[in-house]
Amino acid sequence: MADELVQDAVMRNLEIIGEAAKALSTETTIRAPSVAWRSVSGMRDHLVHGYFGVDLDIVWNAIAEDLPGLRSAVEQLLRGADAFWSAYSPNSAACSAAFFSTRSARW
């Protein structure tokens, strides 16, 4: 990563990924046990706070070695979420049944 602008952009994106990982629920992280979620958020902490400087070799290694697996796991989580929510689209019978069953219980 020779270009300083590219380095900054890459590190910023890793910070965002780490912040997003921190916001995930336990239920979500359990669905992707192959990901070291604490390490993902830990990388964010190191980049944001610059503990003892940032080692670009470690950043590059994370990109080359860890990011492809993380991406794959997140894509799988998103596919699962899409499948779940598509069953509850506004036009689906399941959505209508769920809506009216909760409404009738209150009324």
PDB file of N, CA and C in Angstrom:
ATOM      1  N   MET A   1       0.851  -1.176   0.000  1.00  0.00           N
ATOM      2  CA  MET A   1       0.000   0.000   0.000  1.00  0.00           C
ATOM      3  C   MET A   1       0.898   1.240   0.000  1.00  0.00           C
ATOM      4  N   ALA A   2       1.375   1.566  -1.151  1.00  0.00           N
ATOM      5  CA  ALA A   2       2.342   2.651  -1.268  1.00  0.00           C
ATOM      6  C   ALA A   2       1.701   4.032  -1.195  1.00  0.00           C
ATOM      7  N   ASP A   3       0.515   4.182  -1.717  1.00  0.00           N
ATOM      8  CA  ASP A   3      -0.143   5.486  -1.782  1.00  0.00           C
ATOM      9  C   ASP A   3      -0.819   5.799  -0.443  1.00  0.00           C
ATOM     10  N   GLU A   4      -0.446   6.916   0.157  1.00  0.00           N
ATOM     11  CA  GLU A   4      -0.977   7.274   1.476  1.00  0.00           C
ATOM     12  C   GLU A   4      -2.491   7.496   1.460  1.00  0.00           C
ATOM     13  N   LEU A   5      -3.012   8.038   0.377  1.00  0.00           N
ATOM     14  CA  LEU A   5      -4.454   8.247   0.261  1.00  0.00           C
ATOM     15  C   LEU A   5      -5.192   6.905   0.241  1.00  0.00           C
ATOM     16  N   VAL A   6      -4.646   5.945  -0.480  1.00  0.00           N
ATOM     17  CA  VAL A   6      -5.244   4.609  -0.523  1.00  0.00           C
ATOM     18  C   VAL A   6      -5.160   3.960   0.856  1.00  0.00           C
ATOM     19  N   GLN A   7      -4.025   4.109   1.519  1.00  0.00           N
ATOM     20  CA  GLN A   7      -3.870   3.556   2.869  1.00  0.00           C
ATOM     21  C   GLN A   7      -4.942   4.107   3.804  1.00  0.00           C
ATOM     22  N   ASP A   8      -5.117   5.416   3.773  1.00  0.00           N
ATOM     23  CA  ASP A   8      -6.120   6.039   4.637  1.00  0.00           C
ATOM     24  C   ASP A   8      -7.526   5.548   4.310  1.00  0.00           C
ATOM     25  N   ALA A   9      -7.836   5.423   3.029  1.00  0.00           N
ATOM     26  CA  ALA A   9      -9.167   4.968   2.617  1.00  0.00           C
ATOM     27  C   ALA A   9      -9.407   3.526   3.056  1.00  0.00           C
ATOM     28  N   VAL A  10      -8.410   2.682   2.880  1.00  0.00           N
ATOM     29  CA  VAL A  10      -8.540   1.280   3.274  1.00  0.00           C
ATOM     30  C   VAL A  10      -8.716   1.171   4.787  1.00  0.00           C
ATOM     31  N   MET A  11      -7.896   1.901   5.529  1.00  0.00           N
ATOM     32  CA  MET A  11      -8.009   1.839   6.989  1.00  0.00           C
ATOM     33  C   MET A  11      -9.353   2.381   7.462  1.00  0.00           C
ATOM     34  N   ARG A  12      -9.852   3.411   6.817  1.00  0.00           N
ATOM     35  CA  ARG A  12     -11.168   3.957   7.192  1.00  0.00           C
ATOM     36  C   ARG A  12     -12.259   2.918   6.960  1.00  0.00           C
ATOM     37  N   ASN A  13     -12.182   2.218   5.838  1.00  0.00           N
ATOM     38  CA  ASN A  13     -13.176   1.178   5.567  1.00  0.00           C
ATOM     39  C   ASN A  13     -13.076   0.041   6.575  1.00  0.00           C
ATOM     40  N   LEU A  14     -11.869  -0.312   6.990  1.00  0.00           N
ATOM     41  CA  LEU A  14     -11.719  -1.333   8.024  1.00  0.00           C
ATOM     42  C   LEU A  14     -12.291  -0.858   9.357  1.00  0.00           C
ATOM     43  N   GLU A  15     -12.154   0.430   9.640  1.00  0.00           N
ATOM     44  CA  GLU A  15     -12.760   0.996  10.853  1.00  0.00           C
ATOM     45  C   GLU A  15     -14.280   0.856  10.807  1.00  0.00           C
ATOM     46  N   ILE A  16     -14.857   1.146   9.660  1.00  0.00           N
ATOM     47  CA  ILE A  16     -16.317   1.052   9.499  1.00  0.00           C
ATOM     48  C   ILE A  16     -16.773  -0.395   9.649  1.00  0.00           C
ATOM     49  N   ILE A  17     -16.033  -1.315   9.049  1.00  0.00           N
ATOM     50  CA  ILE A  17     -16.363  -2.739   9.173  1.00  0.00           C
ATOM     51  C   ILE A  17     -16.302  -3.156  10.642  1.00  0.00           C
ATOM     52  N   GLY A  18     -15.272  -2.720  11.346  1.00  0.00           N
ATOM     53  CA  GLY A  18     -15.134  -3.056  12.762  1.00  0.00           C
ATOM     54  C   GLY A  18     -16.243  -2.474  13.611  1.00  0.00           C
ATOM     55  N   GLU A  19     -16.637  -1.256  13.303  1.00  0.00           N
ATOM     56  CA  GLU A  19     -17.740  -0.623  14.039  1.00  0.00           C
ATOM     57  C   GLU A  19     -19.045  -1.374  13.784  1.00  0.00           C
ATOM     58  N   ALA A  20     -19.261  -1.786  12.546  1.00  0.00           N
ATOM     59  CA  ALA A  20     -20.461  -2.566  12.222  1.00  0.00           C
ATOM     60  C   ALA A  20     -20.441  -3.906  12.952  1.00  0.00           C
ATOM     61  N   ALA A  21     -19.277  -4.525  13.042  1.00  0.00           N
ATOM     62  CA  ALA A  21     -19.160  -5.803  13.749  1.00  0.00           C
ATOM     63  C   ALA A  21     -19.513  -5.642  15.223  1.00  0.00           C
ATOM     64  N   LYS A  22     -19.121  -4.525  15.815  1.00  0.00           N
ATOM     65  CA  LYS A  22     -19.447  -4.268  17.223  1.00  0.00           C
ATOM     66  C   LYS A  22     -20.953  -4.148  17.442  1.00  0.00           C
ATOM     67  N   ALA A  23     -21.665  -3.700  16.426  1.00  0.00           N
ATOM     68  CA  ALA A  23     -23.105  -3.464  16.556  1.00  0.00           C
ATOM     69  C   ALA A  23     -23.936  -4.728  16.342  1.00  0.00           C
ATOM     70  N   LEU A  24     -23.314  -5.808  15.895  1.00  0.00           N
ATOM     71  CA  LEU A  24     -24.067  -7.038  15.638  1.00  0.00           C
ATOM     72  C   LEU A  24     -24.537  -7.674  16.943  1.00  0.00           C
ATOM     73  N   SER A  25     -25.703  -8.254  16.886  1.00  0.00           N
ATOM     74  CA  SER A  25     -26.227  -8.965  18.056  1.00  0.00           C
ATOM     75  C   SER A  25     -25.505 -10.305  18.204  1.00  0.00           C
ATOM     76  N   THR A  26     -25.574 -10.855  19.398  1.00  0.00           N
ATOM     77  CA  THR A  26     -24.999 -12.176  19.643  1.00  0.00           C
ATOM     78  C   THR A  26     -25.658 -13.212  18.745  1.00  0.00           C
ATOM     79  N   GLU A  27     -26.968 -13.084  18.548  1.00  0.00           N
ATOM     80  CA  GLU A  27     -27.689 -14.024  17.691  1.00  0.00           C
ATOM     81  C   GLU A  27     -27.125 -14.016  16.273  1.00  0.00           C
ATOM     82  N   THR A  28     -26.732 -12.853  15.798  1.00  0.00           N
ATOM     83  CA  THR A  28     -26.172 -12.754  14.451  1.00  0.00           C
ATOM     84  C   THR A  28     -24.773 -13.346  14.402  1.00  0.00           C
ATOM     85  N   THR A  29     -23.927 -13.006  15.353  1.00  0.00           N
ATOM     86  CA  THR A  29     -22.548 -13.502  15.315  1.00  0.00           C
ATOM     87  C   THR A  29     -22.485 -15.016  15.484  1.00  0.00           C
ATOM     88  N   ILE A  30     -23.430 -15.580  16.210  1.00  0.00           N
ATOM     89  CA  ILE A  30     -23.479 -17.036  16.373  1.00  0.00           C
ATOM     90  C   ILE A  30     -23.717 -17.719  15.029  1.00  0.00           C
ATOM     91  N   ARG A  31     -24.416 -17.045  14.137  1.00  0.00           N
ATOM     92  CA  ARG A  31     -24.707 -17.623  12.816  1.00  0.00           C
ATOM     93  C   ARG A  31     -23.485 -17.653  11.899  1.00  0.00           C
ATOM     94  N   ALA A  32     -22.417 -16.986  12.304  1.00  0.00           N
ATOM     95  CA  ALA A  32     -21.173 -16.994  11.519  1.00  0.00           C
ATOM     96  C   ALA A  32     -20.001 -17.273  12.462  1.00  0.00           C
ATOM     97  N   PRO A  33     -19.926 -18.504  12.977  1.00  0.00           N
ATOM     98  CA  PRO A  33     -18.893 -18.821  13.965  1.00  0.00           C
ATOM     99  C   PRO A  33     -17.477 -18.841  13.396  1.00  0.00           C
ATOM    100  N   SER A  34     -17.340 -18.891  12.084  1.00  0.00           N
ATOM    101  CA  SER A  34     -16.005 -18.917  11.481  1.00  0.00           C
ATOM    102  C   SER A  34     -15.308 -17.563  11.550  1.00  0.00           C
ATOM    103  N   VAL A  35     -16.064 -16.514  11.855  1.00  0.00           N
ATOM    104  CA  VAL A  35     -15.496 -15.163  11.921  1.00  0.00           C
ATOM    105  C   VAL A  35     -15.076 -14.855  13.356  1.00  0.00           C
ATOM    106  N   ALA A  36     -13.876 -14.345  13.505  1.00  0.00           N
ATOM    107  CA  ALA A  36     -13.389 -13.903  14.816  1.00  0.00           C
ATOM    108  C   ALA A  36     -13.871 -12.467  15.027  1.00  0.00           C
ATOM    109  N   TRP A  37     -15.122 -12.323  15.444  1.00  0.00           N
ATOM    110  CA  TRP A  37     -15.763 -11.010  15.529  1.00  0.00           C
ATOM    111  C   TRP A  37     -15.014 -10.058  16.455  1.00  0.00           C
ATOM    112  N   ARG A  38     -14.472 -10.569  17.553  1.00  0.00           N
ATOM    113  CA  ARG A  38     -13.715  -9.698  18.466  1.00  0.00           C
ATOM    114  C   ARG A  38     -12.446  -9.173  17.800  1.00  0.00           C
ATOM    115  N   SER A  39     -11.839  -9.986  16.959  1.00  0.00           N
ATOM    116  CA  SER A  39     -10.648  -9.532  16.234  1.00  0.00           C
ATOM    117  C   SER A  39     -11.006  -8.460  15.218  1.00  0.00           C
ATOM    118  N   VAL A  40     -12.162  -8.611  14.590  1.00  0.00           N
ATOM    119  CA  VAL A  40     -12.617  -7.609  13.619  1.00  0.00           C
ATOM    120  C   VAL A  40     -12.810  -6.270  14.322  1.00  0.00           C
ATOM    121  N   SER A  41     -13.500  -6.290  15.454  1.00  0.00           N
ATOM    122  CA  SER A  41     -13.708  -5.034  16.182  1.00  0.00           C
ATOM    123  C   SER A  41     -12.416  -4.560  16.847  1.00  0.00           C
ATOM    124  N   GLY A  42     -11.541  -5.488  17.211  1.00  0.00           N
ATOM    125  CA  GLY A  42     -10.251  -5.113  17.782  1.00  0.00           C
ATOM    126  C   GLY A  42      -9.367  -4.393  16.779  1.00  0.00           C
ATOM    127  N   MET A  43      -9.422  -4.828  15.518  1.00  0.00           N
ATOM    128  CA  MET A  43      -8.678  -4.136  14.462  1.00  0.00           C
ATOM    129  C   MET A  43      -9.169  -2.703  14.355  1.00  0.00           C
ATOM    130  N   ARG A  44     -10.465  -2.523  14.446  1.00  0.00           N
ATOM    131  CA  ARG A  44     -11.040  -1.177  14.402  1.00  0.00           C
ATOM    132  C   ARG A  44     -10.478  -0.315  15.527  1.00  0.00           C
ATOM    133  N   ASP A  45     -10.441  -0.878  16.728  1.00  0.00           N
ATOM    134  CA  ASP A  45      -9.926  -0.126  17.871  1.00  0.00           C
ATOM    135  C   ASP A  45      -8.478   0.300  17.658  1.00  0.00           C
ATOM    136  N   HIS A  46      -7.671  -0.610  17.153  1.00  0.00           N
ATOM    137  CA  HIS A  46      -6.261  -0.283  16.910  1.00  0.00           C
ATOM    138  C   HIS A  46      -6.114   0.801  15.848  1.00  0.00           C
ATOM    139  N   LEU A  47      -6.929   0.732  14.810  1.00  0.00           N
ATOM    140  CA  LEU A  47      -6.839   1.740  13.753  1.00  0.00           C
ATOM    141  C   LEU A  47      -7.325   3.103  14.237  1.00  0.00           C
ATOM    142  N   VAL A  48      -8.427   3.113  14.962  1.00  0.00           N
ATOM    143  CA  VAL A  48      -9.004   4.378  15.421  1.00  0.00           C
ATOM    144  C   VAL A  48      -8.113   5.054  16.451  1.00  0.00           C
ATOM    145  N   HIS A  49      -7.619   4.276  17.395  1.00  0.00           N
ATOM    146  CA  HIS A  49      -6.860   4.856  18.493  1.00  0.00           C
ATOM    147  C   HIS A  49      -5.359   4.893  18.225  1.00  0.00           C
ATOM    148  N   GLY A  50      -4.930   4.195  17.171  1.00  0.00           N
ATOM    149  CA  GLY A  50      -3.525   4.215  16.786  1.00  0.00           C
ATOM    150  C   GLY A  50      -2.584   3.745  17.877  1.00  0.00           C
ATOM    151  N   TYR A  51      -2.996   2.705  18.585  1.00  0.00           N
ATOM    152  CA  TYR A  51      -2.147   2.174  19.651  1.00  0.00           C
ATOM    153  C   TYR A  51      -0.740   1.910  19.121  1.00  0.00           C
ATOM    154  N   PHE A  52       0.218   2.647  19.583  1.00  0.00           N
ATOM    155  CA  PHE A  52       1.628   2.460  19.235  1.00  0.00           C
ATOM    156  C   PHE A  52       1.869   2.487  17.729  1.00  0.00           C
ATOM    157  N   GLY A  53       1.068   3.236  17.013  1.00  0.00           N
ATOM    158  CA  GLY A  53       1.213   3.324  15.561  1.00  0.00           C
ATOM    159  C   GLY A  53       0.504   2.173  14.875  1.00  0.00           C
ATOM    160  N   VAL A  54       0.320   2.303  13.592  1.00  0.00           N
ATOM    161  CA  VAL A  54      -0.366   1.277  12.811  1.00  0.00           C
ATOM    162  C   VAL A  54       0.672   0.551  11.966  1.00  0.00           C
ATOM    163  N   ASP A  55       0.704  -0.760  12.092  1.00  0.00           N
ATOM    164  CA  ASP A  55       1.619  -1.587  11.304  1.00  0.00           C
ATOM    165  C   ASP A  55       0.916  -1.948   9.999  1.00  0.00           C
ATOM    166  N   LEU A  56       1.376  -1.368   8.903  1.00  0.00           N
ATOM    167  CA  LEU A  56       0.721  -1.590   7.613  1.00  0.00           C
ATOM    168  C   LEU A  56       0.831  -3.032   7.142  1.00  0.00           C
ATOM    169  N   ASP A  57       1.847  -3.749   7.589  1.00  0.00           N
ATOM    170  CA  ASP A  57       1.948  -5.167   7.231  1.00  0.00           C
ATOM    171  C   ASP A  57       0.803  -5.966   7.852  1.00  0.00           C
ATOM    172  N   ILE A  58       0.442  -5.617   9.080  1.00  0.00           N
ATOM    173  CA  ILE A  58      -0.685  -6.294   9.741  1.00  0.00           C
ATOM    174  C   ILE A  58      -1.989  -5.950   9.027  1.00  0.00           C
ATOM    175  N   VAL A  59      -2.141  -4.691   8.649  1.00  0.00           N
ATOM    176  CA  VAL A  59      -3.341  -4.272   7.916  1.00  0.00           C
ATOM    177  C   VAL A  59      -3.423  -5.029   6.597  1.00  0.00           C
ATOM    178  N   TRP A  60      -2.324  -5.082   5.857  1.00  0.00           N
ATOM    179  CA  TRP A  60      -2.326  -5.777   4.568  1.00  0.00           C
ATOM    180  C   TRP A  60      -2.628  -7.259   4.761  1.00  0.00           C
ATOM    181  N   ASN A  61      -2.053  -7.880   5.785  1.00  0.00           N
ATOM    182  CA  ASN A  61      -2.314  -9.291   6.048  1.00  0.00           C
ATOM    183  C   ASN A  61      -3.796  -9.523   6.346  1.00  0.00           C
ATOM    184  N   ALA A  62      -4.404  -8.629   7.116  1.00  0.00           N
ATOM    185  CA  ALA A  62      -5.839  -8.755   7.411  1.00  0.00           C
ATOM    186  C   ALA A  62      -6.660  -8.669   6.133  1.00  0.00           C
ATOM    187  N   ILE A  63      -6.262  -7.765   5.245  1.00  0.00           N
ATOM    188  CA  ILE A  63      -6.980  -7.619   3.975  1.00  0.00           C
ATOM    189  C   ILE A  63      -6.828  -8.877   3.133  1.00  0.00           C
ATOM    190  N   ALA A  64      -5.608  -9.346   3.010  1.00  0.00           N
ATOM    191  CA  ALA A  64      -5.327 -10.487   2.133  1.00  0.00           C
ATOM    192  C   ALA A  64      -5.831 -11.807   2.696  1.00  0.00           C
ATOM    193  N   GLU A  65      -5.695 -11.988   4.009  1.00  0.00           N
ATOM    194  CA  GLU A  65      -6.003 -13.286   4.613  1.00  0.00           C
ATOM    195  C   GLU A  65      -7.401 -13.378   5.226  1.00  0.00           C
ATOM    196  N   ASP A  66      -7.860 -12.318   5.854  1.00  0.00           N
ATOM    197  CA  ASP A  66      -9.095 -12.387   6.641  1.00  0.00           C
ATOM    198  C   ASP A  66     -10.322 -11.811   5.949  1.00  0.00           C
ATOM    199  N   LEU A  67     -10.117 -10.789   5.150  1.00  0.00           N
ATOM    200  CA  LEU A  67     -11.259 -10.098   4.546  1.00  0.00           C
ATOM    201  C   LEU A  67     -12.083 -10.981   3.608  1.00  0.00           C
ATOM    202  N   PRO A  68     -11.467 -11.846   2.786  1.00  0.00           N
ATOM    203  CA  PRO A  68     -12.303 -12.700   1.922  1.00  0.00           C
ATOM    204  C   PRO A  68     -13.264 -13.595   2.710  1.00  0.00           C
ATOM    205  N   GLY A  69     -12.795 -14.188   3.810  1.00  0.00           N
ATOM    206  CA  GLY A  69     -13.667 -15.024   4.637  1.00  0.00           C
ATOM    207  C   GLY A  69     -14.755 -14.222   5.325  1.00  0.00           C
ATOM    208  N   LEU A  70     -14.396 -13.023   5.776  1.00  0.00           N
ATOM    209  CA  LEU A  70     -15.385 -12.140   6.398  1.00  0.00           C
ATOM    210  C   LEU A  70     -16.455 -11.757   5.389  1.00  0.00           C
ATOM    211  N   ARG A  71     -16.019 -11.404   4.201  1.00  0.00           N
ATOM    212  CA  ARG A  71     -16.979 -11.034   3.153  1.00  0.00           C
ATOM    213  C   ARG A  71     -17.932 -12.187   2.856  1.00  0.00           C
ATOM    214  N   SER A  72     -17.392 -13.373   2.726  1.00  0.00           N
ATOM    215  CA  SER A  72     -18.217 -14.548   2.447  1.00  0.00           C
ATOM    216  C   SER A  72     -19.233 -14.791   3.566  1.00  0.00           C
ATOM    217  N   ALA A  73     -18.793 -14.677   4.810  1.00  0.00           N
ATOM    218  CA  ALA A  73     -19.695 -14.883   5.949  1.00  0.00           C
ATOM    219  C   ALA A  73     -20.794 -13.831   5.982  1.00  0.00           C
ATOM    220  N   VAL A  74     -20.437 -12.578   5.723  1.00  0.00           N
ATOM    221  CA  VAL A  74     -21.434 -11.500   5.729  1.00  0.00           C
ATOM    222  C   VAL A  74     -22.428 -11.689   4.592  1.00  0.00           C
ATOM    223  N   GLU A  75     -21.940 -12.084   3.417  1.00  0.00           N
ATOM    224  CA  GLU A  75     -22.858 -12.335   2.299  1.00  0.00           C
ATOM    225  C   GLU A  75     -23.836 -13.450   2.641  1.00  0.00           C
ATOM    226  N   GLN A  76     -23.353 -14.483   3.322  1.00  0.00           N
ATOM    227  CA  GLN A  76     -24.234 -15.582   3.732  1.00  0.00           C
ATOM    228  C   GLN A  76     -25.264 -15.094   4.755  1.00  0.00           C
ATOM    229  N   LEU A  77     -24.831 -14.275   5.700  1.00  0.00           N
ATOM    230  CA  LEU A  77     -25.771 -13.711   6.676  1.00  0.00           C
ATOM    231  C   LEU A  77     -26.835 -12.867   5.982  1.00  0.00           C
ATOM    232  N   LEU A  78     -26.415 -12.086   5.001  1.00  0.00           N
ATOM    233  CA  LEU A  78     -27.366 -11.236   4.279  1.00  0.00           C
ATOM    234  C   LEU A  78     -28.357 -12.062   3.465  1.00  0.00           C
ATOM    235  N   ARG A  79     -27.877 -13.140   2.853  1.00  0.00           N
ATOM    236  CA  ARG A  79     -28.798 -14.017   2.112  1.00  0.00           C
ATOM    237  C   ARG A  79     -29.839 -14.604   3.053  1.00  0.00           C
ATOM    238  N   GLY A  80     -29.411 -15.006   4.237  1.00  0.00           N
ATOM    239  CA  GLY A  80     -30.349 -15.533   5.227  1.00  0.00           C
ATOM    240  C   GLY A  80     -31.352 -14.488   5.671  1.00  0.00           C
ATOM    241  N   ALA A  81     -30.895 -13.263   5.849  1.00  0.00           N
ATOM    242  CA  ALA A  81     -31.797 -12.175   6.244  1.00  0.00           C
ATOM    243  C   ALA A  81     -32.779 -11.862   5.129  1.00  0.00           C
ATOM    244  N   ASP A  82     -32.291 -11.848   3.889  1.00  0.00           N
ATOM    245  CA  ASP A  82     -33.182 -11.590   2.753  1.00  0.00           C
ATOM    246  C   ASP A  82     -34.267 -12.652   2.661  1.00  0.00           C
ATOM    247  N   ALA A  83     -33.881 -13.912   2.856  1.00  0.00           N
ATOM    248  CA  ALA A  83     -34.862 -14.996   2.791  1.00  0.00           C
ATOM    249  C   ALA A  83     -35.900 -14.849   3.901  1.00  0.00           C
ATOM    250  N   PHE A  84     -35.441 -14.482   5.086  1.00  0.00           N
ATOM    251  CA  PHE A  84     -36.358 -14.299   6.208  1.00  0.00           C
ATOM    252  C   PHE A  84     -37.345 -13.179   5.918  1.00  0.00           C
ATOM    253  N   TRP A  85     -36.828 -12.011   5.515  1.00  0.00           N
ATOM    254  CA  TRP A  85     -37.699 -10.853   5.321  1.00  0.00           C
ATOM    255  C   TRP A  85     -38.570 -10.972   4.085  1.00  0.00           C
ATOM    256  N   SER A  86     -38.131 -11.717   3.077  1.00  0.00           N
ATOM    257  CA  SER A  86     -38.983 -11.857   1.895  1.00  0.00           C
ATOM    258  C   SER A  86     -40.259 -12.625   2.231  1.00  0.00           C
ATOM    259  N   ALA A  87     -40.189 -13.484   3.240  1.00  0.00           N
ATOM    260  CA  ALA A  87     -41.394 -14.198   3.680  1.00  0.00           C
ATOM    261  C   ALA A  87     -42.383 -13.239   4.328  1.00  0.00           C
ATOM    262  N   TYR A  88     -41.885 -12.093   4.771  1.00  0.00           N
ATOM    263  CA  TYR A  88     -42.729 -11.107   5.425  1.00  0.00           C
ATOM    264  C   TYR A  88     -42.871  -9.833   4.606  1.00  0.00           C
ATOM    265  N   SER A  89     -42.837  -9.982   3.283  1.00  0.00           N
ATOM    266  CA  SER A  89     -43.058  -8.810   2.441  1.00  0.00           C
ATOM    267  C   SER A  89     -44.502  -8.358   2.626  1.00  0.00           C
ATOM    268  N   PRO A  90     -44.787  -7.093   2.385  1.00  0.00           N
ATOM    269  CA  PRO A  90     -46.145  -6.579   2.625  1.00  0.00           C
ATOM    270  C   PRO A  90     -47.239  -7.339   1.886  1.00  0.00           C
ATOM    271  N   ASN A  91     -46.897  -8.000   0.801  1.00  0.00           N
ATOM    272  CA  ASN A  91     -47.909  -8.710   0.015  1.00  0.00           C
ATOM    273  C   ASN A  91     -48.018 -10.189   0.356  1.00  0.00           C
ATOM    274  N   SER A  92     -47.188 -10.672   1.269  1.00  0.00           N
ATOM    275  CA  SER A  92     -47.208 -12.105   1.543  1.00  0.00           C
ATOM    276  C   SER A  92     -48.315 -12.460   2.533  1.00  0.00           C
ATOM    277  N   ALA A  93     -48.804 -13.663   2.397  1.00  0.00           N
ATOM    278  CA  ALA A  93     -49.835 -14.153   3.308  1.00  0.00           C
ATOM    279  C   ALA A  93     -49.284 -14.277   4.721  1.00  0.00           C
ATOM    280  N   ALA A  94     -48.008 -14.667   4.837  1.00  0.00           N
ATOM    281  CA  ALA A  94     -47.392 -14.809   6.161  1.00  0.00           C
ATOM    282  C   ALA A  94     -47.348 -13.471   6.881  1.00  0.00           C
ATOM    283  N   CYS A  95     -47.057 -12.420   6.135  1.00  0.00           N
ATOM    284  CA  CYS A  95     -47.004 -11.087   6.740  1.00  0.00           C
ATOM    285  C   CYS A  95     -48.391 -10.680   7.222  1.00  0.00           C
ATOM    286  N   SER A  96     -49.384 -10.885   6.398  1.00  0.00           N
ATOM    287  CA  SER A  96     -50.748 -10.528   6.782  1.00  0.00           C
ATOM    288  C   SER A  96     -51.202 -11.319   7.996  1.00  0.00           C
ATOM    289  N   ALA A  97     -50.901 -12.611   8.002  1.00  0.00           N
ATOM    290  CA  ALA A  97     -51.295 -13.452   9.127  1.00  0.00           C
ATOM    291  C   ALA A  97     -50.597 -13.004  10.403  1.00  0.00           C
ATOM    292  N   ALA A  98     -49.305 -12.693  10.300  1.00  0.00           N
ATOM    293  CA  ALA A  98     -48.556 -12.245  11.478  1.00  0.00           C
ATOM    294  C   ALA A  98     -49.100 -10.917  11.980  1.00  0.00           C
ATOM    295  N   PHE A  99     -49.399 -10.007  11.072  1.00  0.00           N
ATOM    296  CA  PHE A  99     -49.916  -8.695  11.459  1.00  0.00           C
ATOM    297  C   PHE A  99     -51.259  -8.827  12.160  1.00  0.00           C
ATOM    298  N   PHE A 100     -52.171  -9.559  11.542  1.00  0.00           N
ATOM    299  CA  PHE A 100     -53.512  -9.639  12.098  1.00  0.00           C
ATOM    300  C   PHE A 100     -53.564 -10.486  13.363  1.00  0.00           C
ATOM    301  N   SER A 101     -52.688 -11.468  13.492  1.00  0.00           N
ATOM    302  CA  SER A 101     -52.707 -12.266  14.724  1.00  0.00           C
ATOM    303  C   SER A 101     -52.233 -11.429  15.908  1.00  0.00           C
ATOM    304  N   THR A 102     -51.260 -10.540  15.696  1.00  0.00           N
ATOM    305  CA  THR A 102     -50.816  -9.690  16.804  1.00  0.00           C
ATOM    306  C   THR A 102     -51.825  -8.588  17.071  1.00  0.00           C
ATOM    307  N   ARG A 103     -52.468  -8.079  16.038  1.00  0.00           N
ATOM    308  CA  ARG A 103     -53.469  -7.026  16.212  1.00  0.00           C
ATOM    309  C   ARG A 103     -54.702  -7.559  16.940  1.00  0.00           C
ATOM    310  N   SER A 104     -55.166  -8.731  16.544  1.00  0.00           N
ATOM    311  CA  SER A 104     -56.385  -9.258  17.158  1.00  0.00           C
ATOM    312  C   SER A 104     -56.157  -9.598  18.627  1.00  0.00           C
ATOM    313  N   ALA A 105     -54.927  -9.932  18.982  1.00  0.00           N
ATOM    314  CA  ALA A 105     -54.634 -10.228  20.384  1.00  0.00           C
ATOM    315  C   ALA A 105     -54.754  -8.969  21.234  1.00  0.00           C
ATOM    316  N   ARG A 106     -54.460  -7.809  20.636  1.00  0.00           N
ATOM    317  CA  ARG A 106     -54.553  -6.551  21.380  1.00  0.00           C
ATOM    318  C   ARG A 106     -55.980  -6.025  21.418  1.00  0.00           C
ATOM    319  N   TRP A 107     -56.782  -6.322  20.401  1.00  0.00           N
ATOM    320  CA  TRP A 107     -58.126  -5.747  20.303  1.00  0.00           C
ATOM    321  C   TRP A 107     -59.076  -6.595  21.021  1.00  0.00           C
TER     322      TRP A 107
END
